[in-house]
Amino acid sequence: MTIPSESSSEIPGVVRPAKPGMKQRWLIIILALTFLFVLMPFLFWQATWFGRPLNDEQLERALADREHPREIQHALSQVADRVFSANPATRDSARRFYPAVTRIAQSGGDELRLTAAWVMGQDNSVPEFHQELTALLRDPNPMVRRNAALSLVRFGDVAGRDEIRAILEPYSLAAPRGGKLTERLKPGDAINAGTLLGSIDSDHEKFELRSQVPGTIDRWLVGNGITVSASQPIARVQPSTAEVWEALRALYLIGEKQDIPAIQRFASTASGMPPNVRQQAETTAQAIHSRE
């Protein structure tokens, strides 16, 4: 009988010791994986964070980048940051990008027009901004119209008062096309602009039904599974806290006597609004009374 030598890996019950370099290699692999788990979220945050500063060259490139709306939004935010700056030179540097902001307000997508309307409201010394904001009051997107109306207040312009008033009222969501309605959310659910509410089946195609405004679903006006026609009101959306707050602040400056009933509705605890919004409603109503 042949007895295996002691160095043989065939001896039952004997585990060959790891080579000295194996532990080191596994340690390096584990450390590398740990680093990647930390690095990837940081890179994602860095790429999507609008607070990341951009120099003039980066701003110009981003504002002209028609294929990446997120980059344009970042650039618009950076232009606004320059307007806010306490440094006069930094504020002046923002002006070279104003033509691009106006161009985006005229031809950009919904989110870009909305952001541009907000940016233009930060500098009420620019006649071109005033003119463009007035035009945006006729925009098909309600959020763009609202931002334009709020920004016009900074110009001392009350042309958007009706739009601001409308923020305080339930929003009537209309069907974008005809077809069979399938509801996804229920009354009481909080939503944002762009939230998927359901779908509409038309000619064997399914179209997403998304909200154009933030708030809370008050009620569906049409039952689930019912066939609706294009532009038919199908749901009511109560305004969001943030929207009410901004509207009340604007009406503090430009509100009229006929706005007081709608304003006082938010001063009550029954409105479900937080204390700061209820206080703003009271303050706004008092300001209007004093003007009257």
C-alpha atoms as a PDB file:
ATOM      1  CA  MET A   1       0.000   0.000   0.000  1.00  0.00           C
ATOM      2  CA  THR A   2       1.289   3.420  -0.948  1.00  0.00           C
ATOM      3  CA  ILE A   3       1.110   6.054   1.784  1.00  0.00           C
ATOM      4  CA  PRO A   4       0.775   9.655   0.473  1.00  0.00           C
ATOM      5  CA  SER A   5       3.472  12.028   1.522  1.00  0.00           C
ATOM      6  CA  GLU A   6       2.644  14.675   4.159  1.00  0.00           C
ATOM      7  CA  SER A   7       2.840  17.441   1.557  1.00  0.00           C
ATOM      8  CA  SER A   8       0.155  15.845  -0.604  1.00  0.00           C
ATOM      9  CA  SER A   9      -3.204  17.624  -0.887  1.00  0.00           C
ATOM     10  CA  GLU A  10      -4.840  14.182  -1.091  1.00  0.00           C
ATOM     11  CA  ILE A  11      -4.529  13.473   2.660  1.00  0.00           C
ATOM     12  CA  PRO A  12      -8.094  13.301   4.054  1.00  0.00           C
ATOM     13  CA  GLY A  13      -8.907  15.926   6.696  1.00  0.00           C
ATOM     14  CA  VAL A  14      -5.918  18.072   5.850  1.00  0.00           C
ATOM     15  CA  VAL A  15      -6.620  21.663   4.652  1.00  0.00           C
ATOM     16  CA  ARG A  16      -3.856  23.224   2.692  1.00  0.00           C
ATOM     17  CA  PRO A  17      -2.937  26.598   4.176  1.00  0.00           C
ATOM     18  CA  ALA A  18      -3.734  29.663   2.057  1.00  0.00           C
ATOM     19  CA  LYS A  19      -0.908  31.230   0.201  1.00  0.00           C
ATOM     20  CA  PRO A  20       0.399  34.375   1.892  1.00  0.00           C
ATOM     21  CA  GLY A  21      -0.763  36.617  -0.975  1.00  0.00           C
ATOM     22  CA  MET A  22      -4.367  35.395  -1.034  1.00  0.00           C
ATOM     23  CA  LYS A  23      -5.478  37.181   2.125  1.00  0.00           C
ATOM     24  CA  GLN A  24      -3.952  40.408   0.848  1.00  0.00           C
ATOM     25  CA  ARG A  25      -5.688  40.078  -2.529  1.00  0.00           C
ATOM     26  CA  TRP A  26      -9.086  39.474  -0.887  1.00  0.00           C
ATOM     27  CA  LEU A  27      -8.525  42.458   1.397  1.00  0.00           C
ATOM     28  CA  ILE A  28      -7.780  44.671  -1.621  1.00  0.00           C
ATOM     29  CA  ILE A  29     -10.923  43.399  -3.410  1.00  0.00           C
ATOM     30  CA  ILE A  30     -13.130  44.076  -0.374  1.00  0.00           C
ATOM     31  CA  LEU A  31     -11.675  47.558   0.073  1.00  0.00           C
ATOM     32  CA  ALA A  32     -12.172  48.311  -3.620  1.00  0.00           C
ATOM     33  CA  LEU A  33     -15.799  47.202  -3.489  1.00  0.00           C
ATOM     34  CA  THR A  34     -16.399  49.281  -0.372  1.00  0.00           C
ATOM     35  CA  PHE A  35     -14.876  52.306  -2.094  1.00  0.00           C
ATOM     36  CA  LEU A  36     -17.131  51.817  -5.130  1.00  0.00           C
ATOM     37  CA  PHE A  37     -20.232  51.549  -2.919  1.00  0.00           C
ATOM     38  CA  VAL A  38     -19.310  54.954  -1.466  1.00  0.00           C
ATOM     39  CA  LEU A  39     -18.105  56.518  -4.711  1.00  0.00           C
ATOM     40  CA  MET A  40     -21.107  55.720  -6.939  1.00  0.00           C
ATOM     41  CA  PRO A  41     -23.756  57.473  -4.775  1.00  0.00           C
ATOM     42  CA  PHE A  42     -21.400  60.442  -4.422  1.00  0.00           C
ATOM     43  CA  LEU A  43     -20.907  60.707  -8.179  1.00  0.00           C
ATOM     44  CA  PHE A  44     -24.671  60.457  -8.726  1.00  0.00           C
ATOM     45  CA  TRP A  45     -25.289  63.175  -6.128  1.00  0.00           C
ATOM     46  CA  GLN A  46     -22.559  65.336  -7.641  1.00  0.00           C
ATOM     47  CA  ALA A  47     -24.073  64.964 -11.099  1.00  0.00           C
ATOM     48  CA  THR A  48     -27.620  65.849  -9.999  1.00  0.00           C
ATOM     49  CA  TRP A  49     -26.960  68.473  -7.317  1.00  0.00           C
ATOM     50  CA  PHE A  50     -27.872  71.931  -8.585  1.00  0.00           C
ATOM     51  CA  GLY A  51     -25.623  73.568  -6.004  1.00  0.00           C
ATOM     52  CA  ARG A  52     -22.473  72.421  -7.806  1.00  0.00           C
ATOM     53  CA  PRO A  53     -20.835  75.665  -9.044  1.00  0.00           C
ATOM     54  CA  LEU A  54     -20.361  76.168 -12.767  1.00  0.00           C
ATOM     55  CA  ASN A  55     -17.908  78.574 -14.330  1.00  0.00           C
ATOM     56  CA  ASP A  56     -18.847  80.794 -17.283  1.00  0.00           C
ATOM     57  CA  GLU A  57     -17.730  78.287 -19.898  1.00  0.00           C
ATOM     58  CA  GLN A  58     -19.658  75.445 -18.225  1.00  0.00           C
ATOM     59  CA  LEU A  59     -22.751  77.634 -17.920  1.00  0.00           C
ATOM     60  CA  GLU A  60     -22.700  78.537 -21.596  1.00  0.00           C
ATOM     61  CA  ARG A  61     -22.234  74.917 -22.595  1.00  0.00           C
ATOM     62  CA  ALA A  62     -25.025  73.693 -20.298  1.00  0.00           C
ATOM     63  CA  LEU A  63     -27.529  76.343 -21.383  1.00  0.00           C
ATOM     64  CA  ALA A  64     -26.939  75.380 -25.010  1.00  0.00           C
ATOM     65  CA  ASP A  65     -27.245  71.625 -24.337  1.00  0.00           C
ATOM     66  CA  ARG A  66     -30.632  70.807 -25.855  1.00  0.00           C
ATOM     67  CA  GLU A  67     -30.219  67.049 -25.352  1.00  0.00           C
ATOM     68  CA  HIS A  68     -29.840  67.090 -21.552  1.00  0.00           C
ATOM     69  CA  PRO A  69     -32.627  69.077 -19.829  1.00  0.00           C
ATOM     70  CA  ARG A  70     -31.168  68.283 -16.414  1.00  0.00           C
ATOM     71  CA  GLU A  71     -27.984  70.129 -17.327  1.00  0.00           C
ATOM     72  CA  ILE A  72     -30.012  73.138 -18.477  1.00  0.00           C
ATOM     73  CA  GLN A  73     -31.957  73.164 -15.195  1.00  0.00           C
ATOM     74  CA  HIS A  74     -28.684  73.069 -13.286  1.00  0.00           C
ATOM     75  CA  ALA A  75     -27.392  76.010 -15.312  1.00  0.00           C
ATOM     76  CA  LEU A  76     -30.596  78.010 -14.775  1.00  0.00           C
ATOM     77  CA  SER A  77     -30.302  77.419 -11.041  1.00  0.00           C
ATOM     78  CA  GLN A  78     -26.727  78.655 -11.126  1.00  0.00           C
ATOM     79  CA  VAL A  79     -27.792  81.829 -12.953  1.00  0.00           C
ATOM     80  CA  ALA A  80     -30.304  82.477 -10.166  1.00  0.00           C
ATOM     81  CA  ASP A  81     -27.596  81.891  -7.546  1.00  0.00           C
ATOM     82  CA  ARG A  82     -25.499  84.593  -9.199  1.00  0.00           C
ATOM     83  CA  VAL A  83     -28.440  86.997  -9.085  1.00  0.00           C
ATOM     84  CA  PHE A  84     -28.802  86.281  -5.344  1.00  0.00           C
ATOM     85  CA  SER A  85     -25.101  86.885  -4.682  1.00  0.00           C
ATOM     86  CA  ALA A  86     -24.055  89.672  -2.324  1.00  0.00           C
ATOM     87  CA  ASN A  87     -21.082  90.324  -4.600  1.00  0.00           C
ATOM     88  CA  PRO A  88     -21.974  92.976  -7.232  1.00  0.00           C
ATOM     89  CA  ALA A  89     -19.479  91.531  -9.729  1.00  0.00           C
ATOM     90  CA  THR A  90     -21.081  88.094  -9.426  1.00  0.00           C
ATOM     91  CA  ARG A  91     -24.551  89.571  -9.882  1.00  0.00           C
ATOM     92  CA  ASP A  92     -23.418  91.443 -12.981  1.00  0.00           C
ATOM     93  CA  SER A  93     -21.879  88.272 -14.408  1.00  0.00           C
ATOM     94  CA  ALA A  94     -25.328  86.698 -14.558  1.00  0.00           C
ATOM     95  CA  ARG A  95     -26.517  89.193 -17.168  1.00  0.00           C
ATOM     96  CA  ARG A  96     -24.515  87.669 -19.993  1.00  0.00           C
ATOM     97  CA  PHE A  97     -26.723  84.569 -19.694  1.00  0.00           C
ATOM     98  CA  TYR A  98     -30.070  86.398 -19.696  1.00  0.00           C
ATOM     99  CA  PRO A  99     -30.654  85.983 -23.471  1.00  0.00           C
ATOM    100  CA  ALA A 100     -30.283  82.215 -23.032  1.00  0.00           C
ATOM    101  CA  VAL A 101     -32.789  82.251 -20.144  1.00  0.00           C
ATOM    102  CA  THR A 102     -35.302  84.091 -22.345  1.00  0.00           C
ATOM    103  CA  ARG A 103     -34.722  81.651 -25.212  1.00  0.00           C
ATOM    104  CA  ILE A 104     -35.351  78.668 -22.920  1.00  0.00           C
ATOM    105  CA  ALA A 105     -38.551  80.284 -21.631  1.00  0.00           C
ATOM    106  CA  GLN A 106     -39.764  80.510 -25.218  1.00  0.00           C
ATOM    107  CA  SER A 107     -38.793  77.108 -26.573  1.00  0.00           C
ATOM    108  CA  GLY A 108     -37.825  74.765 -23.724  1.00  0.00           C
ATOM    109  CA  GLY A 109     -39.822  71.838 -22.354  1.00  0.00           C
ATOM    110  CA  ASP A 110     -42.338  72.200 -19.546  1.00  0.00           C
ATOM    111  CA  GLU A 111     -39.822  71.826 -16.716  1.00  0.00           C
ATOM    112  CA  LEU A 112     -37.395  74.225 -18.373  1.00  0.00           C
ATOM    113  CA  ARG A 113     -40.036  76.904 -19.028  1.00  0.00           C
ATOM    114  CA  LEU A 114     -41.169  76.563 -15.430  1.00  0.00           C
ATOM    115  CA  THR A 115     -37.628  77.017 -14.108  1.00  0.00           C
ATOM    116  CA  ALA A 116     -36.917  79.896 -16.493  1.00  0.00           C
ATOM    117  CA  ALA A 117     -40.050  81.688 -15.275  1.00  0.00           C
ATOM    118  CA  TRP A 118     -38.751  81.416 -11.708  1.00  0.00           C
ATOM    119  CA  VAL A 119     -35.282  82.670 -12.691  1.00  0.00           C
ATOM    120  CA  MET A 120     -36.691  85.680 -14.547  1.00  0.00           C
ATOM    121  CA  GLY A 121     -38.557  86.709 -11.418  1.00  0.00           C
ATOM    122  CA  GLN A 122     -35.307  87.095  -9.509  1.00  0.00           C
ATOM    123  CA  ASP A 123     -34.225  90.209 -11.440  1.00  0.00           C
ATOM    124  CA  ASN A 124     -37.069  92.694 -11.844  1.00  0.00           C
ATOM    125  CA  SER A 125     -34.836  95.245 -13.575  1.00  0.00           C
ATOM    126  CA  VAL A 126     -34.892  93.472 -16.944  1.00  0.00           C
ATOM    127  CA  PRO A 127     -37.660  94.613 -19.351  1.00  0.00           C
ATOM    128  CA  GLU A 128     -37.187  91.531 -21.523  1.00  0.00           C
ATOM    129  CA  PHE A 129     -37.958  89.301 -18.540  1.00  0.00           C
ATOM    130  CA  HIS A 130     -41.094  91.313 -17.782  1.00  0.00           C
ATOM    131  CA  GLN A 131     -42.268  90.921 -21.371  1.00  0.00           C
ATOM    132  CA  GLU A 132     -41.557  87.202 -21.488  1.00  0.00           C
ATOM    133  CA  LEU A 133     -43.280  86.520 -18.159  1.00  0.00           C
ATOM    134  CA  THR A 134     -46.383  88.275 -19.439  1.00  0.00           C
ATOM    135  CA  ALA A 135     -46.365  85.978 -22.476  1.00  0.00           C
ATOM    136  CA  LEU A 136     -45.995  82.909 -20.236  1.00  0.00           C
ATOM    137  CA  LEU A 137     -49.335  83.702 -18.583  1.00  0.00           C
ATOM    138  CA  ARG A 138     -50.835  82.096 -21.703  1.00  0.00           C
ATOM    139  CA  ASP A 139     -48.676  78.948 -21.482  1.00  0.00           C
ATOM    140  CA  PRO A 140     -50.582  75.642 -21.806  1.00  0.00           C
ATOM    141  CA  ASN A 141     -48.892  74.239 -18.682  1.00  0.00           C
ATOM    142  CA  PRO A 142     -50.550  75.458 -15.438  1.00  0.00           C
ATOM    143  CA  MET A 143     -47.314  75.310 -13.427  1.00  0.00           C
ATOM    144  CA  VAL A 144     -45.546  77.544 -15.948  1.00  0.00           C
ATOM    145  CA  ARG A 145     -48.429  80.022 -15.763  1.00  0.00           C
ATOM    146  CA  ARG A 146     -48.311  79.991 -11.967  1.00  0.00           C
ATOM    147  CA  ASN A 147     -44.583  80.601 -11.806  1.00  0.00           C
ATOM    148  CA  ALA A 148     -44.922  83.419 -14.326  1.00  0.00           C
ATOM    149  CA  ALA A 149     -47.743  85.022 -12.324  1.00  0.00           C
ATOM    150  CA  LEU A 150     -45.776  84.826  -9.062  1.00  0.00           C
ATOM    151  CA  SER A 151     -42.670  86.253 -10.727  1.00  0.00           C
ATOM    152  CA  LEU A 152     -44.635  89.168 -12.179  1.00  0.00           C
ATOM    153  CA  VAL A 153     -45.495  90.272  -8.637  1.00  0.00           C
ATOM    154  CA  ARG A 154     -41.823  91.143  -8.202  1.00  0.00           C
ATOM    155  CA  PHE A 155     -42.201  93.521 -11.139  1.00  0.00           C
ATOM    156  CA  GLY A 156     -45.173  95.187  -9.443  1.00  0.00           C
ATOM    157  CA  ASP A 157     -47.382  93.704 -12.182  1.00  0.00           C
ATOM    158  CA  VAL A 158     -50.810  92.353 -11.186  1.00  0.00           C
ATOM    159  CA  ALA A 159     -51.514  90.768 -14.594  1.00  0.00           C
ATOM    160  CA  GLY A 160     -51.215  87.282 -13.066  1.00  0.00           C
ATOM    161  CA  ARG A 161     -53.636  87.899 -10.190  1.00  0.00           C
ATOM    162  CA  ASP A 162     -56.336  85.587 -11.590  1.00  0.00           C
ATOM    163  CA  GLU A 163     -53.788  82.795 -11.984  1.00  0.00           C
ATOM    164  CA  ILE A 164     -52.610  83.270  -8.394  1.00  0.00           C
ATOM    165  CA  ARG A 165     -56.203  83.258  -7.144  1.00  0.00           C
ATOM    166  CA  ALA A 166     -56.780  79.997  -8.986  1.00  0.00           C
ATOM    167  CA  ILE A 167     -53.984  78.339  -6.975  1.00  0.00           C
ATOM    168  CA  LEU A 168     -56.197  78.535  -3.883  1.00  0.00           C
ATOM    169  CA  GLU A 169     -59.024  76.668  -5.603  1.00  0.00           C
ATOM    170  CA  PRO A 170     -59.276  72.947  -6.423  1.00  0.00           C
ATOM    171  CA  TYR A 171     -57.738  72.171  -9.809  1.00  0.00           C
ATOM    172  CA  SER A 172     -59.923  70.412 -12.354  1.00  0.00           C
ATOM    173  CA  LEU A 173     -57.918  67.719 -14.117  1.00  0.00           C
ATOM    174  CA  ALA A 174     -59.108  67.058 -17.666  1.00  0.00           C
ATOM    175  CA  ALA A 175     -58.648  63.942 -19.762  1.00  0.00           C
ATOM    176  CA  PRO A 176     -55.886  64.506 -22.331  1.00  0.00           C
ATOM    177  CA  ARG A 177     -57.718  62.239 -24.799  1.00  0.00           C
ATOM    178  CA  GLY A 178     -60.763  60.047 -25.052  1.00  0.00           C
ATOM    179  CA  GLY A 179     -60.837  56.427 -23.924  1.00  0.00           C
ATOM    180  CA  LYS A 180     -61.463  54.098 -20.999  1.00  0.00           C
ATOM    181  CA  LEU A 181     -60.227  55.511 -17.679  1.00  0.00           C
ATOM    182  CA  THR A 182     -58.226  53.305 -15.313  1.00  0.00           C
ATOM    183  CA  GLU A 183     -57.606  54.915 -11.923  1.00  0.00           C
ATOM    184  CA  ARG A 184     -54.367  54.186 -10.055  1.00  0.00           C
ATOM    185  CA  LEU A 185     -54.620  56.455  -6.995  1.00  0.00           C
ATOM    186  CA  LYS A 186     -57.478  57.211  -4.622  1.00  0.00           C
ATOM    187  CA  PRO A 187     -58.885  60.351  -2.932  1.00  0.00           C
ATOM    188  CA  GLY A 188     -56.606  61.624  -0.182  1.00  0.00           C
ATOM    189  CA  ASP A 189     -53.401  60.576  -1.925  1.00  0.00           C
ATOM    190  CA  ALA A 190     -50.738  63.308  -2.130  1.00  0.00           C
ATOM    191  CA  ILE A 191     -49.328  63.917  -5.589  1.00  0.00           C
ATOM    192  CA  ASN A 192     -46.700  66.023  -7.341  1.00  0.00           C
ATOM    193  CA  ALA A 193     -46.666  67.494 -10.807  1.00  0.00           C
ATOM    194  CA  GLY A 194     -45.943  64.527 -13.054  1.00  0.00           C
ATOM    195  CA  THR A 195     -47.319  61.858 -10.695  1.00  0.00           C
ATOM    196  CA  LEU A 196     -48.898  58.930 -12.530  1.00  0.00           C
ATOM    197  CA  LEU A 197     -52.616  58.947 -11.666  1.00  0.00           C
ATOM    198  CA  GLY A 198     -53.801  56.221 -13.989  1.00  0.00           C
ATOM    199  CA  SER A 199     -54.176  55.549 -17.683  1.00  0.00           C
ATOM    200  CA  ILE A 200     -56.563  55.981 -20.575  1.00  0.00           C
ATOM    201  CA  ASP A 201     -57.043  53.130 -23.045  1.00  0.00           C
ATOM    202  CA  SER A 202     -57.809  54.404 -26.529  1.00  0.00           C
ATOM    203  CA  ASP A 203     -57.822  52.396 -29.760  1.00  0.00           C
ATOM    204  CA  HIS A 204     -55.916  49.532 -28.162  1.00  0.00           C
ATOM    205  CA  GLU A 205     -53.238  51.932 -26.891  1.00  0.00           C
ATOM    206  CA  LYS A 206     -52.632  52.846 -23.251  1.00  0.00           C
ATOM    207  CA  PHE A 207     -51.759  56.473 -22.444  1.00  0.00           C
ATOM    208  CA  GLU A 208     -50.410  57.560 -19.077  1.00  0.00           C
ATOM    209  CA  LEU A 209     -52.515  60.020 -17.109  1.00  0.00           C
ATOM    210  CA  ARG A 210     -50.251  62.318 -15.098  1.00  0.00           C
ATOM    211  CA  SER A 211     -51.049  65.274 -12.880  1.00  0.00           C
ATOM    212  CA  GLN A 212     -49.957  68.710 -14.040  1.00  0.00           C
ATOM    213  CA  VAL A 213     -50.106  70.199 -10.538  1.00  0.00           C
ATOM    214  CA  PRO A 214     -49.089  69.154  -7.014  1.00  0.00           C
ATOM    215  CA  GLY A 215     -51.610  68.662  -4.227  1.00  0.00           C
ATOM    216  CA  THR A 216     -54.006  66.010  -2.956  1.00  0.00           C
ATOM    217  CA  ILE A 217     -56.624  64.104  -4.911  1.00  0.00           C
ATOM    218  CA  ASP A 218     -59.953  65.424  -3.688  1.00  0.00           C
ATOM    219  CA  ARG A 219     -62.161  63.084  -5.688  1.00  0.00           C
ATOM    220  CA  TRP A 220     -62.568  61.414  -9.034  1.00  0.00           C
ATOM    221  CA  LEU A 221     -65.367  62.913 -11.102  1.00  0.00           C
ATOM    222  CA  VAL A 222     -65.644  59.806 -13.280  1.00  0.00           C
ATOM    223  CA  GLY A 223     -65.855  56.208 -12.131  1.00  0.00           C
ATOM    224  CA  ASN A 224     -63.090  53.700 -12.729  1.00  0.00           C
ATOM    225  CA  GLY A 225     -63.491  51.927 -16.064  1.00  0.00           C
ATOM    226  CA  ILE A 226     -65.782  54.581 -17.545  1.00  0.00           C
ATOM    227  CA  THR A 227     -65.131  55.873 -21.062  1.00  0.00           C
ATOM    228  CA  VAL A 228     -64.315  59.588 -21.112  1.00  0.00           C
ATOM    229  CA  SER A 229     -63.959  62.149 -23.879  1.00  0.00           C
ATOM    230  CA  ALA A 230     -60.993  64.428 -24.536  1.00  0.00           C
ATOM    231  CA  SER A 231     -60.888  67.520 -22.275  1.00  0.00           C
ATOM    232  CA  GLN A 232     -63.593  66.105 -19.994  1.00  0.00           C
ATOM    233  CA  PRO A 233     -62.983  66.931 -16.284  1.00  0.00           C
ATOM    234  CA  ILE A 234     -62.186  63.667 -14.537  1.00  0.00           C
ATOM    235  CA  ALA A 235     -60.696  64.604 -11.137  1.00  0.00           C
ATOM    236  CA  ARG A 236     -60.358  67.443  -8.616  1.00  0.00           C
ATOM    237  CA  VAL A 237     -57.021  68.190  -6.936  1.00  0.00           C
ATOM    238  CA  GLN A 238     -56.740  70.245  -3.759  1.00  0.00           C
ATOM    239  CA  PRO A 239     -53.728  72.628  -3.751  1.00  0.00           C
ATOM    240  CA  SER A 240     -50.475  71.711  -2.039  1.00  0.00           C
ATOM    241  CA  THR A 241     -49.232  73.480   1.087  1.00  0.00           C
ATOM    242  CA  ALA A 242     -46.263  75.008  -0.751  1.00  0.00           C
ATOM    243  CA  GLU A 243     -48.478  76.372  -3.531  1.00  0.00           C
ATOM    244  CA  VAL A 244     -50.957  77.890  -1.066  1.00  0.00           C
ATOM    245  CA  TRP A 245     -48.124  79.495   0.871  1.00  0.00           C
ATOM    246  CA  GLU A 246     -46.698  81.172  -2.254  1.00  0.00           C
ATOM    247  CA  ALA A 247     -50.130  82.341  -3.415  1.00  0.00           C
ATOM    248  CA  LEU A 248     -50.922  83.873  -0.013  1.00  0.00           C
ATOM    249  CA  ARG A 249     -47.620  85.717   0.035  1.00  0.00           C
ATOM    250  CA  ALA A 250     -48.309  87.121  -3.426  1.00  0.00           C
ATOM    251  CA  LEU A 251     -51.855  88.161  -2.546  1.00  0.00           C
ATOM    252  CA  TYR A 252     -50.490  89.956   0.499  1.00  0.00           C
ATOM    253  CA  LEU A 253     -49.109  92.425  -2.051  1.00  0.00           C
ATOM    254  CA  ILE A 254     -51.703  92.381  -4.838  1.00  0.00           C
ATOM    255  CA  GLY A 255     -54.825  90.776  -3.355  1.00  0.00           C
ATOM    256  CA  GLU A 256     -58.246  92.416  -3.583  1.00  0.00           C
ATOM    257  CA  LYS A 257     -61.376  92.383  -1.474  1.00  0.00           C
ATOM    258  CA  GLN A 258     -62.987  89.599  -3.507  1.00  0.00           C
ATOM    259  CA  ASP A 259     -60.019  87.329  -2.670  1.00  0.00           C
ATOM    260  CA  ILE A 260     -60.658  87.441   1.085  1.00  0.00           C
ATOM    261  CA  PRO A 261     -63.199  84.572   1.325  1.00  0.00           C
ATOM    262  CA  ALA A 262     -60.818  82.178  -0.434  1.00  0.00           C
ATOM    263  CA  ILE A 263     -57.916  83.396   1.711  1.00  0.00           C
ATOM    264  CA  GLN A 264     -59.762  83.065   5.009  1.00  0.00           C
ATOM    265  CA  ARG A 265     -60.634  79.471   4.199  1.00  0.00           C
ATOM    266  CA  PHE A 266     -56.970  78.654   4.813  1.00  0.00           C
ATOM    267  CA  ALA A 267     -56.873  80.545   8.122  1.00  0.00           C
ATOM    268  CA  SER A 268     -59.088  77.896   9.708  1.00  0.00           C
ATOM    269  CA  THR A 269     -57.729  74.763  11.370  1.00  0.00           C
ATOM    270  CA  ALA A 270     -60.309  72.861   9.327  1.00  0.00           C
ATOM    271  CA  SER A 271     -58.226  73.616   6.228  1.00  0.00           C
ATOM    272  CA  GLY A 272     -55.632  71.107   7.392  1.00  0.00           C
ATOM    273  CA  MET A 273     -52.845  73.593   6.703  1.00  0.00           C
ATOM    274  CA  PRO A 274     -49.859  73.979   9.080  1.00  0.00           C
ATOM    275  CA  PRO A 275     -49.767  76.945  11.516  1.00  0.00           C
ATOM    276  CA  ASN A 276     -47.428  79.069   9.375  1.00  0.00           C
ATOM    277  CA  VAL A 277     -49.824  78.895   6.402  1.00  0.00           C
ATOM    278  CA  ARG A 278     -52.844  79.705   8.581  1.00  0.00           C
ATOM    279  CA  GLN A 279     -50.955  82.686  10.016  1.00  0.00           C
ATOM    280  CA  GLN A 280     -50.034  83.864   6.532  1.00  0.00           C
ATOM    281  CA  ALA A 281     -53.693  83.652   5.504  1.00  0.00           C
ATOM    282  CA  GLU A 282     -54.681  85.893   8.416  1.00  0.00           C
ATOM    283  CA  THR A 283     -51.865  88.342   7.664  1.00  0.00           C
ATOM    284  CA  THR A 284     -52.776  88.477   3.984  1.00  0.00           C
ATOM    285  CA  ALA A 285     -56.464  89.131   4.725  1.00  0.00           C
ATOM    286  CA  GLN A 286     -55.504  91.936   7.142  1.00  0.00           C
ATOM    287  CA  ALA A 287     -53.239  93.514   4.514  1.00  0.00           C
ATOM    288  CA  ILE A 288     -56.053  93.531   1.960  1.00  0.00           C
ATOM    289  CA  HIS A 289     -58.482  95.014   4.495  1.00  0.00           C
ATOM    290  CA  SER A 290     -56.004  97.782   5.278  1.00  0.00           C
ATOM    291  CA  ARG A 291     -55.683  98.660   1.577  1.00  0.00           C
ATOM    292  CA  GLU A 292     -59.426  98.710   1.130  1.00  0.00           C
END
